[in-house]
Amino acid sequence: MVKSKNDIFYLILFVLTIITMIVGITFTYFSLIASEDEDSTKVQTGSISINYIDGEKIDTYALIPINEPTLNTKYSVYKKRFAVSSNGSLDQTLDIYINVTDNKFKNDALGFSLYNSDNRKIATGRIPSSGRVCLISKEYLKNNTTNNYTVLIWLQDDNTDQNYEMGNTFVGGFDIDAEQIKYQ
């Protein structure tokens, strides 16, 4: 009989504890819902897209050795115009690379220049036989804007007979790393 009374007491205590927990959880849930503002949870993200203005195909005359060309140079230079657009809510910095996948030219025989939309040269350098080449680092891209670029690639004249470079090919693509700027 004593054991039966203890069992009933613990059963009632257990049921009251469960009811108290349910009431507490329900009250907490509805309190959070009632106090939440419409914009209290806001996630900001950024995304970029690249647009090859002249198309993806390399369409140029054969590269013959020349010194650094300008935007007005018509022959012996590969020109590619592209645009990088931000579709996010945060400003970003860009690192723009050429990812060299197949380069039959001599190491550093190819040169590059990068121009912005104002036709101002913002970077220049050489392209190795393989690997990733940084065209520019920490280039600013404001949110919901587009930056336009033109890259020139040419066979650098080294004042020697460069006939051994005839028929060589270069294959690569653009890689763009973006980092969102966090404002405090």
N, C-alpha and C. Protein backbone atom coordinates (compact mmCIF):
# COMPACT_ATOMS: atom_id res chain seq x y z
N MET A 1 0.81 -1.19 0.00
CA MET A 1 0.00 0.00 0.00
C MET A 1 0.86 1.27 0.00
N VAL A 2 1.96 1.25 0.77
CA VAL A 2 2.85 2.40 0.83
C VAL A 2 3.53 2.59 -0.53
N LYS A 3 3.89 1.49 -1.15
CA LYS A 3 4.54 1.57 -2.45
C LYS A 3 3.57 2.14 -3.48
N SER A 4 2.31 1.79 -3.41
CA SER A 4 1.31 2.28 -4.32
C SER A 4 1.10 3.78 -4.17
N LYS A 5 1.12 4.29 -2.92
CA LYS A 5 0.98 5.73 -2.68
C LYS A 5 2.20 6.47 -3.25
N ASN A 6 3.39 5.91 -3.07
CA ASN A 6 4.60 6.54 -3.61
C ASN A 6 4.56 6.57 -5.14
N ASP A 7 4.09 5.51 -5.75
CA ASP A 7 3.99 5.48 -7.20
C ASP A 7 3.03 6.53 -7.73
N ILE A 8 1.88 6.66 -7.04
CA ILE A 8 0.89 7.66 -7.45
C ILE A 8 1.45 9.07 -7.26
N PHE A 9 2.16 9.31 -6.16
CA PHE A 9 2.76 10.63 -5.90
C PHE A 9 3.78 10.98 -6.99
N TYR A 10 4.64 10.04 -7.33
CA TYR A 10 5.65 10.30 -8.36
C TYR A 10 5.02 10.46 -9.74
N LEU A 11 3.97 9.74 -10.01
CA LEU A 11 3.27 9.87 -11.28
C LEU A 11 2.64 11.25 -11.41
N ILE A 12 2.00 11.72 -10.32
CA ILE A 12 1.40 13.06 -10.34
C ILE A 12 2.49 14.12 -10.48
N LEU A 13 3.60 13.95 -9.77
CA LEU A 13 4.73 14.88 -9.85
C LEU A 13 5.30 14.90 -11.28
N PHE A 14 5.41 13.75 -11.90
CA PHE A 14 5.91 13.64 -13.27
C PHE A 14 4.98 14.36 -14.25
N VAL A 15 3.67 14.15 -14.13
CA VAL A 15 2.69 14.78 -15.00
C VAL A 15 2.72 16.30 -14.82
N LEU A 16 2.82 16.80 -13.60
CA LEU A 16 2.90 18.24 -13.34
C LEU A 16 4.19 18.83 -13.93
N THR A 17 5.29 18.10 -13.82
CA THR A 17 6.55 18.57 -14.40
C THR A 17 6.44 18.68 -15.92
N ILE A 18 5.87 17.69 -16.56
CA ILE A 18 5.67 17.72 -18.01
C ILE A 18 4.78 18.89 -18.41
N ILE A 19 3.69 19.10 -17.69
CA ILE A 19 2.78 20.21 -17.99
C ILE A 19 3.49 21.54 -17.82
N THR A 20 4.30 21.69 -16.76
CA THR A 20 5.06 22.92 -16.53
C THR A 20 6.05 23.16 -17.66
N MET A 21 6.74 22.10 -18.11
CA MET A 21 7.69 22.25 -19.21
C MET A 21 6.98 22.67 -20.49
N ILE A 22 5.85 22.08 -20.80
CA ILE A 22 5.11 22.42 -22.02
C ILE A 22 4.65 23.87 -21.97
N VAL A 23 4.12 24.29 -20.83
CA VAL A 23 3.68 25.69 -20.68
C VAL A 23 4.88 26.62 -20.83
N GLY A 24 6.01 26.29 -20.23
CA GLY A 24 7.20 27.14 -20.30
C GLY A 24 7.73 27.25 -21.72
N ILE A 25 7.84 26.13 -22.42
CA ILE A 25 8.33 26.15 -23.80
C ILE A 25 7.37 26.93 -24.69
N THR A 26 6.08 26.73 -24.54
CA THR A 26 5.09 27.45 -25.34
C THR A 26 5.16 28.95 -25.07
N PHE A 27 5.27 29.33 -23.80
CA PHE A 27 5.37 30.75 -23.45
C PHE A 27 6.64 31.36 -24.06
N THR A 28 7.76 30.66 -23.97
CA THR A 28 9.02 31.16 -24.54
C THR A 28 8.91 31.31 -26.05
N TYR A 29 8.36 30.34 -26.71
CA TYR A 29 8.22 30.39 -28.17
C TYR A 29 7.38 31.59 -28.59
N PHE A 30 6.21 31.76 -27.97
CA PHE A 30 5.35 32.88 -28.37
C PHE A 30 5.94 34.22 -27.96
N SER A 31 6.71 34.28 -26.89
CA SER A 31 7.39 35.52 -26.51
C SER A 31 8.42 35.91 -27.56
N LEU A 32 9.18 34.94 -28.06
CA LEU A 32 10.16 35.23 -29.11
C LEU A 32 9.49 35.68 -30.39
N ILE A 33 8.43 35.04 -30.77
CA ILE A 33 7.71 35.41 -31.98
C ILE A 33 7.15 36.82 -31.86
N ALA A 34 6.58 37.16 -30.71
CA ALA A 34 5.98 38.48 -30.52
C ALA A 34 7.02 39.59 -30.49
N SER A 35 8.21 39.31 -29.98
CA SER A 35 9.22 40.36 -29.84
C SER A 35 10.11 40.50 -31.07
N GLU A 36 9.99 39.61 -32.05
CA GLU A 36 10.85 39.63 -33.22
C GLU A 36 10.41 40.73 -34.18
N ASP A 37 11.38 41.59 -34.59
CA ASP A 37 11.12 42.60 -35.61
C ASP A 37 11.16 41.95 -36.97
N GLU A 38 10.56 42.63 -37.93
CA GLU A 38 10.55 42.08 -39.28
C GLU A 38 11.96 41.96 -39.85
N ASP A 39 12.84 42.93 -39.59
CA ASP A 39 14.19 42.92 -40.11
C ASP A 39 15.23 42.56 -39.05
N SER A 40 14.83 41.88 -37.99
CA SER A 40 15.79 41.61 -36.93
C SER A 40 16.84 40.60 -37.34
N THR A 41 16.54 39.74 -38.27
CA THR A 41 17.51 38.78 -38.78
C THR A 41 17.77 39.13 -40.23
N LYS A 42 18.93 39.70 -40.51
CA LYS A 42 19.25 40.12 -41.86
C LYS A 42 20.59 39.51 -42.24
N VAL A 43 20.61 38.81 -43.34
CA VAL A 43 21.83 38.22 -43.85
C VAL A 43 22.23 39.00 -45.08
N GLN A 44 23.46 39.48 -45.10
CA GLN A 44 23.95 40.20 -46.27
C GLN A 44 24.95 39.32 -46.99
N THR A 45 24.77 39.23 -48.30
CA THR A 45 25.67 38.41 -49.09
C THR A 45 26.10 39.19 -50.32
N GLY A 46 27.08 38.69 -50.96
CA GLY A 46 27.53 39.28 -52.20
C GLY A 46 27.75 38.19 -53.22
N SER A 47 27.53 38.52 -54.46
CA SER A 47 27.81 37.58 -55.54
C SER A 47 28.31 38.37 -56.73
N ILE A 48 29.13 37.72 -57.54
CA ILE A 48 29.65 38.38 -58.73
C ILE A 48 29.37 37.51 -59.94
N SER A 49 29.36 38.15 -61.07
CA SER A 49 29.24 37.42 -62.33
C SER A 49 30.20 38.04 -63.32
N ILE A 50 30.66 37.24 -64.27
CA ILE A 50 31.59 37.72 -65.28
C ILE A 50 30.92 37.60 -66.64
N ASN A 51 31.08 38.63 -67.45
CA ASN A 51 30.50 38.67 -68.78
C ASN A 51 31.63 38.91 -69.78
N TYR A 52 31.84 37.94 -70.67
CA TYR A 52 32.84 38.11 -71.73
C TYR A 52 32.21 38.90 -72.86
N ILE A 53 32.52 40.17 -72.94
CA ILE A 53 31.88 41.09 -73.88
C ILE A 53 32.14 40.67 -75.33
N ASP A 54 33.38 40.25 -75.62
CA ASP A 54 33.75 39.86 -76.98
C ASP A 54 33.50 38.38 -77.24
N GLY A 55 32.84 37.68 -76.33
CA GLY A 55 32.64 36.24 -76.48
C GLY A 55 33.79 35.48 -75.83
N GLU A 56 33.60 34.20 -75.70
CA GLU A 56 34.60 33.37 -75.03
C GLU A 56 35.71 32.91 -75.98
N LYS A 57 35.45 32.94 -77.27
CA LYS A 57 36.42 32.43 -78.25
C LYS A 57 37.57 33.41 -78.43
N ILE A 58 38.79 32.87 -78.50
CA ILE A 58 39.96 33.68 -78.81
C ILE A 58 39.98 33.85 -80.32
N ASP A 59 39.86 35.07 -80.76
CA ASP A 59 39.79 35.37 -82.19
C ASP A 59 40.77 36.50 -82.47
N THR A 60 41.99 36.12 -82.81
CA THR A 60 43.02 37.12 -83.02
C THR A 60 43.97 36.65 -84.11
N TYR A 61 44.70 37.58 -84.66
CA TYR A 61 45.74 37.21 -85.62
C TYR A 61 46.90 36.58 -84.86
N ALA A 62 47.76 35.94 -85.56
CA ALA A 62 48.90 35.26 -84.93
C ALA A 62 49.72 36.26 -84.11
N LEU A 63 50.19 35.79 -83.00
CA LEU A 63 51.05 36.63 -82.17
C LEU A 63 52.46 36.63 -82.74
N ILE A 64 52.94 37.80 -83.12
CA ILE A 64 54.33 37.93 -83.53
C ILE A 64 55.00 38.84 -82.51
N PRO A 65 56.29 38.71 -82.32
CA PRO A 65 56.97 39.49 -81.29
C PRO A 65 56.79 41.00 -81.48
N ILE A 66 56.33 41.65 -80.43
CA ILE A 66 56.20 43.10 -80.40
C ILE A 66 56.54 43.58 -79.00
N ASN A 67 56.78 44.88 -78.89
CA ASN A 67 56.92 45.48 -77.56
C ASN A 67 55.52 45.74 -77.03
N GLU A 68 55.43 46.18 -75.81
CA GLU A 68 54.13 46.32 -75.16
C GLU A 68 53.16 47.13 -76.01
N PRO A 69 52.02 46.53 -76.34
CA PRO A 69 51.02 47.22 -77.17
C PRO A 69 50.17 48.17 -76.33
N THR A 70 49.36 48.94 -77.04
CA THR A 70 48.37 49.81 -76.39
C THR A 70 46.98 49.28 -76.77
N LEU A 71 45.97 49.91 -76.24
CA LEU A 71 44.61 49.52 -76.59
C LEU A 71 44.30 49.73 -78.07
N ASN A 72 45.05 50.60 -78.72
CA ASN A 72 44.83 50.88 -80.14
C ASN A 72 45.56 49.93 -81.06
N THR A 73 46.42 49.07 -80.53
CA THR A 73 47.16 48.13 -81.36
C THR A 73 46.18 47.14 -81.97
N LYS A 74 46.25 46.96 -83.29
CA LYS A 74 45.28 46.13 -83.99
C LYS A 74 45.78 44.69 -84.21
N TYR A 75 47.07 44.51 -84.45
CA TYR A 75 47.59 43.20 -84.82
C TYR A 75 48.58 42.70 -83.78
N SER A 76 48.77 41.40 -83.79
CA SER A 76 49.77 40.72 -82.95
C SER A 76 49.49 40.84 -81.47
N VAL A 77 48.26 41.05 -81.11
CA VAL A 77 47.88 41.15 -79.70
C VAL A 77 46.51 40.51 -79.53
N TYR A 78 46.35 39.78 -78.43
CA TYR A 78 45.06 39.22 -78.09
C TYR A 78 44.39 40.18 -77.12
N LYS A 79 43.16 40.59 -77.45
CA LYS A 79 42.40 41.51 -76.60
C LYS A 79 41.15 40.80 -76.12
N LYS A 80 40.88 40.93 -74.86
CA LYS A 80 39.65 40.36 -74.31
C LYS A 80 39.03 41.39 -73.38
N ARG A 81 37.81 41.79 -73.71
CA ARG A 81 37.07 42.69 -72.84
C ARG A 81 36.12 41.85 -72.00
N PHE A 82 36.04 42.17 -70.73
CA PHE A 82 35.11 41.47 -69.85
C PHE A 82 34.62 42.41 -68.78
N ALA A 83 33.49 42.08 -68.21
CA ALA A 83 32.87 42.89 -67.17
C ALA A 83 32.62 42.01 -65.95
N VAL A 84 32.86 42.58 -64.77
CA VAL A 84 32.57 41.88 -63.52
C VAL A 84 31.49 42.68 -62.82
N SER A 85 30.37 42.02 -62.53
CA SER A 85 29.22 42.67 -61.90
C SER A 85 29.01 42.14 -60.50
N SER A 86 28.64 43.06 -59.61
CA SER A 86 28.28 42.70 -58.24
C SER A 86 26.77 42.71 -58.14
N ASN A 87 26.22 41.62 -57.64
CA ASN A 87 24.77 41.52 -57.48
C ASN A 87 24.38 41.43 -56.02
N GLY A 88 25.29 41.79 -55.13
CA GLY A 88 25.04 41.62 -53.71
C GLY A 88 24.78 42.93 -53.00
N SER A 89 24.75 42.83 -51.69
CA SER A 89 24.45 44.00 -50.87
C SER A 89 25.69 44.58 -50.21
N LEU A 90 26.86 43.98 -50.43
CA LEU A 90 28.10 44.47 -49.84
C LEU A 90 29.12 44.80 -50.92
N ASP A 91 29.96 45.79 -50.64
CA ASP A 91 31.08 46.09 -51.53
C ASP A 91 32.08 44.94 -51.44
N GLN A 92 32.91 44.81 -52.47
CA GLN A 92 33.85 43.70 -52.52
C GLN A 92 35.19 44.16 -53.05
N THR A 93 36.22 43.39 -52.76
CA THR A 93 37.51 43.55 -53.44
C THR A 93 37.73 42.31 -54.28
N LEU A 94 38.32 42.51 -55.44
CA LEU A 94 38.53 41.42 -56.40
C LEU A 94 40.00 41.14 -56.57
N ASP A 95 40.34 39.87 -56.68
CA ASP A 95 41.65 39.43 -57.15
C ASP A 95 41.38 38.73 -58.47
N ILE A 96 41.93 39.28 -59.57
CA ILE A 96 41.67 38.74 -60.90
C ILE A 96 42.91 37.99 -61.37
N TYR A 97 42.71 36.75 -61.79
CA TYR A 97 43.81 35.87 -62.21
C TYR A 97 43.57 35.36 -63.62
N ILE A 98 44.68 35.01 -64.28
CA ILE A 98 44.63 34.15 -65.46
C ILE A 98 45.12 32.80 -64.98
N ASN A 99 44.31 31.79 -65.19
CA ASN A 99 44.69 30.43 -64.82
C ASN A 99 45.24 29.76 -66.09
N VAL A 100 46.55 29.61 -66.17
CA VAL A 100 47.20 29.05 -67.34
C VAL A 100 47.07 27.53 -67.31
N THR A 101 46.36 26.98 -68.30
CA THR A 101 46.19 25.53 -68.34
C THR A 101 47.10 24.87 -69.37
N ASP A 102 47.48 25.60 -70.43
CA ASP A 102 48.38 25.06 -71.44
C ASP A 102 49.08 26.22 -72.13
N ASN A 103 50.38 26.32 -71.95
CA ASN A 103 51.15 27.40 -72.54
C ASN A 103 52.39 26.80 -73.20
N LYS A 104 52.40 26.78 -74.52
CA LYS A 104 53.53 26.21 -75.27
C LYS A 104 54.64 27.25 -75.50
N PHE A 105 54.37 28.51 -75.15
CA PHE A 105 55.39 29.53 -75.30
C PHE A 105 56.44 29.38 -74.19
N LYS A 106 57.60 29.95 -74.44
CA LYS A 106 58.67 29.94 -73.44
C LYS A 106 58.18 30.65 -72.17
N ASN A 107 58.68 30.21 -71.03
CA ASN A 107 58.29 30.81 -69.75
C ASN A 107 58.50 32.32 -69.79
N ASP A 108 57.50 33.07 -69.41
CA ASP A 108 57.51 34.54 -69.37
C ASP A 108 57.66 35.20 -70.73
N ALA A 109 57.44 34.46 -71.83
CA ALA A 109 57.53 35.06 -73.17
C ALA A 109 56.30 35.92 -73.48
N LEU A 110 55.18 35.58 -72.84
CA LEU A 110 53.96 36.35 -73.06
C LEU A 110 53.84 37.43 -72.00
N GLY A 111 53.43 38.61 -72.43
CA GLY A 111 53.18 39.70 -71.51
C GLY A 111 51.69 39.99 -71.44
N PHE A 112 51.29 40.69 -70.39
CA PHE A 112 49.89 41.10 -70.29
C PHE A 112 49.82 42.51 -69.74
N SER A 113 48.75 43.19 -70.10
CA SER A 113 48.36 44.48 -69.52
C SER A 113 46.88 44.42 -69.25
N LEU A 114 46.47 45.04 -68.15
CA LEU A 114 45.06 45.10 -67.79
C LEU A 114 44.64 46.56 -67.71
N TYR A 115 43.56 46.89 -68.40
CA TYR A 115 43.03 48.26 -68.44
C TYR A 115 41.65 48.28 -67.81
N ASN A 116 41.32 49.40 -67.16
CA ASN A 116 39.97 49.55 -66.58
C ASN A 116 39.06 50.23 -67.59
N SER A 117 37.84 50.55 -67.17
CA SER A 117 36.86 51.13 -68.09
C SER A 117 37.22 52.55 -68.53
N ASP A 118 38.13 53.20 -67.80
CA ASP A 118 38.61 54.53 -68.20
C ASP A 118 39.77 54.45 -69.18
N ASN A 119 40.06 53.22 -69.68
CA ASN A 119 41.20 52.97 -70.57
C ASN A 119 42.53 53.32 -69.91
N ARG A 120 42.58 53.19 -68.60
CA ARG A 120 43.80 53.43 -67.84
C ARG A 120 44.42 52.08 -67.50
N LYS A 121 45.72 51.95 -67.79
CA LYS A 121 46.42 50.71 -67.49
C LYS A 121 46.56 50.59 -65.98
N ILE A 122 46.06 49.46 -65.43
CA ILE A 122 46.10 49.27 -63.98
C ILE A 122 47.02 48.12 -63.57
N ALA A 123 47.50 47.34 -64.54
CA ALA A 123 48.42 46.25 -64.20
C ALA A 123 49.14 45.80 -65.46
N THR A 124 50.33 45.27 -65.26
CA THR A 124 51.12 44.70 -66.35
C THR A 124 52.03 43.63 -65.76
N GLY A 125 52.43 42.69 -66.60
CA GLY A 125 53.32 41.63 -66.12
C GLY A 125 53.57 40.58 -67.18
N ARG A 126 54.11 39.45 -66.75
CA ARG A 126 54.45 38.33 -67.65
C ARG A 126 53.65 37.09 -67.26
N ILE A 127 53.47 36.22 -68.23
CA ILE A 127 52.70 34.99 -68.03
C ILE A 127 53.66 33.81 -68.04
N PRO A 128 53.71 33.04 -66.96
CA PRO A 128 54.60 31.87 -66.91
C PRO A 128 54.04 30.70 -67.73
N SER A 129 54.79 29.62 -67.77
CA SER A 129 54.39 28.44 -68.54
C SER A 129 53.15 27.76 -67.98
N SER A 130 52.95 27.86 -66.68
CA SER A 130 51.78 27.23 -66.07
C SER A 130 51.48 27.93 -64.75
N GLY A 131 50.31 27.64 -64.23
CA GLY A 131 49.93 28.19 -62.93
C GLY A 131 48.96 29.34 -63.04
N ARG A 132 48.81 29.98 -61.92
CA ARG A 132 47.88 31.10 -61.79
C ARG A 132 48.66 32.40 -61.77
N VAL A 133 48.25 33.35 -62.59
CA VAL A 133 48.91 34.65 -62.67
C VAL A 133 47.96 35.70 -62.14
N CYS A 134 48.38 36.44 -61.13
CA CYS A 134 47.55 37.51 -60.58
C CYS A 134 47.66 38.73 -61.48
N LEU A 135 46.54 39.11 -62.10
CA LEU A 135 46.52 40.32 -62.91
C LEU A 135 46.44 41.55 -62.03
N ILE A 136 45.57 41.50 -61.03
CA ILE A 136 45.44 42.62 -60.09
C ILE A 136 44.84 42.10 -58.79
N SER A 137 45.23 42.72 -57.72
CA SER A 137 44.77 42.31 -56.40
C SER A 137 44.09 43.49 -55.70
N LYS A 138 43.06 43.20 -54.94
CA LYS A 138 42.33 44.18 -54.13
C LYS A 138 41.69 45.28 -54.97
N GLU A 139 41.17 44.91 -56.14
CA GLU A 139 40.45 45.85 -57.00
C GLU A 139 39.06 46.06 -56.41
N TYR A 140 38.66 47.29 -56.18
CA TYR A 140 37.41 47.63 -55.51
C TYR A 140 36.23 47.47 -56.46
N LEU A 141 35.16 46.82 -55.98
CA LEU A 141 33.91 46.68 -56.73
C LEU A 141 32.77 47.03 -55.79
N LYS A 142 32.11 48.15 -56.08
CA LYS A 142 30.97 48.60 -55.26
C LYS A 142 29.77 47.70 -55.51
N ASN A 143 28.94 47.55 -54.48
CA ASN A 143 27.76 46.69 -54.63
C ASN A 143 26.83 47.21 -55.72
N ASN A 144 26.22 46.29 -56.43
CA ASN A 144 25.28 46.56 -57.52
C ASN A 144 25.88 47.44 -58.62
N THR A 145 27.15 47.26 -58.91
CA THR A 145 27.80 47.97 -60.02
C THR A 145 28.55 46.97 -60.88
N THR A 146 29.09 47.47 -61.98
CA THR A 146 29.87 46.66 -62.90
C THR A 146 31.18 47.36 -63.20
N ASN A 147 32.28 46.63 -63.11
CA ASN A 147 33.59 47.12 -63.54
C ASN A 147 33.94 46.46 -64.86
N ASN A 148 34.37 47.27 -65.83
CA ASN A 148 34.76 46.76 -67.14
C ASN A 148 36.28 46.74 -67.25
N TYR A 149 36.79 45.70 -67.91
CA TYR A 149 38.23 45.53 -68.06
C TYR A 149 38.54 45.08 -69.48
N THR A 150 39.78 45.38 -69.89
CA THR A 150 40.33 44.85 -71.14
C THR A 150 41.70 44.30 -70.81
N VAL A 151 41.93 43.06 -71.20
CA VAL A 151 43.25 42.47 -71.00
C VAL A 151 43.90 42.30 -72.38
N LEU A 152 45.16 42.64 -72.46
CA LEU A 152 45.96 42.46 -73.67
C LEU A 152 47.01 41.40 -73.37
N ILE A 153 47.20 40.47 -74.31
CA ILE A 153 48.26 39.46 -74.19
C ILE A 153 49.04 39.49 -75.49
N TRP A 154 50.35 39.50 -75.39
CA TRP A 154 51.20 39.58 -76.57
C TRP A 154 52.48 38.77 -76.34
N LEU A 155 53.16 38.47 -77.45
CA LEU A 155 54.47 37.83 -77.40
C LEU A 155 55.51 38.93 -77.33
N GLN A 156 56.20 38.99 -76.21
CA GLN A 156 57.17 40.07 -75.97
C GLN A 156 58.40 39.90 -76.87
N ASP A 157 58.75 40.96 -77.59
CA ASP A 157 59.94 40.97 -78.44
C ASP A 157 61.18 41.04 -77.55
N ASP A 158 62.07 40.05 -77.68
CA ASP A 158 63.29 40.06 -76.86
C ASP A 158 64.53 40.35 -77.70
N ASN A 159 64.34 40.91 -78.92
CA ASN A 159 65.42 41.31 -79.82
C ASN A 159 66.30 40.15 -80.25
N THR A 160 65.72 38.94 -80.29
CA THR A 160 66.41 37.77 -80.83
C THR A 160 65.48 37.12 -81.85
N ASP A 161 66.00 36.11 -82.54
CA ASP A 161 65.17 35.35 -83.47
C ASP A 161 64.21 34.49 -82.66
N GLN A 162 62.92 34.77 -82.75
CA GLN A 162 61.91 34.05 -81.99
C GLN A 162 61.04 33.16 -82.88
N ASN A 163 61.60 32.69 -84.00
CA ASN A 163 60.85 31.84 -84.91
C ASN A 163 60.42 30.53 -84.24
N TYR A 164 61.15 30.08 -83.23
CA TYR A 164 60.80 28.84 -82.54
C TYR A 164 59.45 28.95 -81.83
N GLU A 165 58.95 30.16 -81.64
CA GLU A 165 57.65 30.37 -80.99
C GLU A 165 56.48 30.24 -81.96
N MET A 166 56.78 30.15 -83.29
CA MET A 166 55.70 30.08 -84.28
C MET A 166 54.86 28.83 -84.07
N GLY A 167 53.56 28.98 -84.15
CA GLY A 167 52.65 27.86 -84.02
C GLY A 167 52.34 27.47 -82.59
N ASN A 168 52.94 28.14 -81.63
CA ASN A 168 52.67 27.81 -80.23
C ASN A 168 51.27 28.27 -79.83
N THR A 169 50.75 27.65 -78.80
CA THR A 169 49.40 27.96 -78.34
C THR A 169 49.42 28.34 -76.86
N PHE A 170 48.38 29.05 -76.51
CA PHE A 170 48.17 29.44 -75.11
C PHE A 170 46.71 29.21 -74.78
N VAL A 171 46.46 28.50 -73.68
CA VAL A 171 45.09 28.25 -73.23
C VAL A 171 45.02 28.62 -71.75
N GLY A 172 44.01 29.35 -71.41
CA GLY A 172 43.82 29.74 -70.02
C GLY A 172 42.43 30.33 -69.83
N GLY A 173 42.15 30.66 -68.61
CA GLY A 173 40.86 31.26 -68.30
C GLY A 173 41.00 32.23 -67.16
N PHE A 174 39.97 32.96 -66.91
CA PHE A 174 39.97 33.93 -65.83
C PHE A 174 39.41 33.31 -64.56
N ASP A 175 40.06 33.57 -63.46
CA ASP A 175 39.56 33.24 -62.13
C ASP A 175 39.42 34.54 -61.38
N ILE A 176 38.33 34.70 -60.68
CA ILE A 176 38.12 35.91 -59.89
C ILE A 176 37.76 35.49 -58.48
N ASP A 177 38.55 35.95 -57.54
CA ASP A 177 38.26 35.74 -56.12
C ASP A 177 37.73 37.05 -55.56
N ALA A 178 36.61 36.99 -54.89
CA ALA A 178 36.00 38.19 -54.32
C ALA A 178 35.96 38.05 -52.81
N GLU A 179 36.20 39.16 -52.14
CA GLU A 179 36.10 39.20 -50.68
C GLU A 179 35.22 40.37 -50.31
N GLN A 180 34.21 40.08 -49.52
CA GLN A 180 33.28 41.13 -49.11
C GLN A 180 33.97 42.06 -48.12
N ILE A 181 33.70 43.34 -48.25
CA ILE A 181 34.23 44.33 -47.32
C ILE A 181 33.25 44.45 -46.16
N LYS A 182 33.72 44.23 -44.99
CA LYS A 182 32.86 44.29 -43.80
C LYS A 182 33.04 45.65 -43.15
N TYR A 183 31.94 46.33 -42.97
CA TYR A 183 31.96 47.64 -42.35
C TYR A 183 31.60 47.48 -40.88
N GLN A 184 32.29 48.19 -40.02
CA GLN A 184 32.03 48.12 -38.59
C GLN A 184 31.07 49.21 -38.16
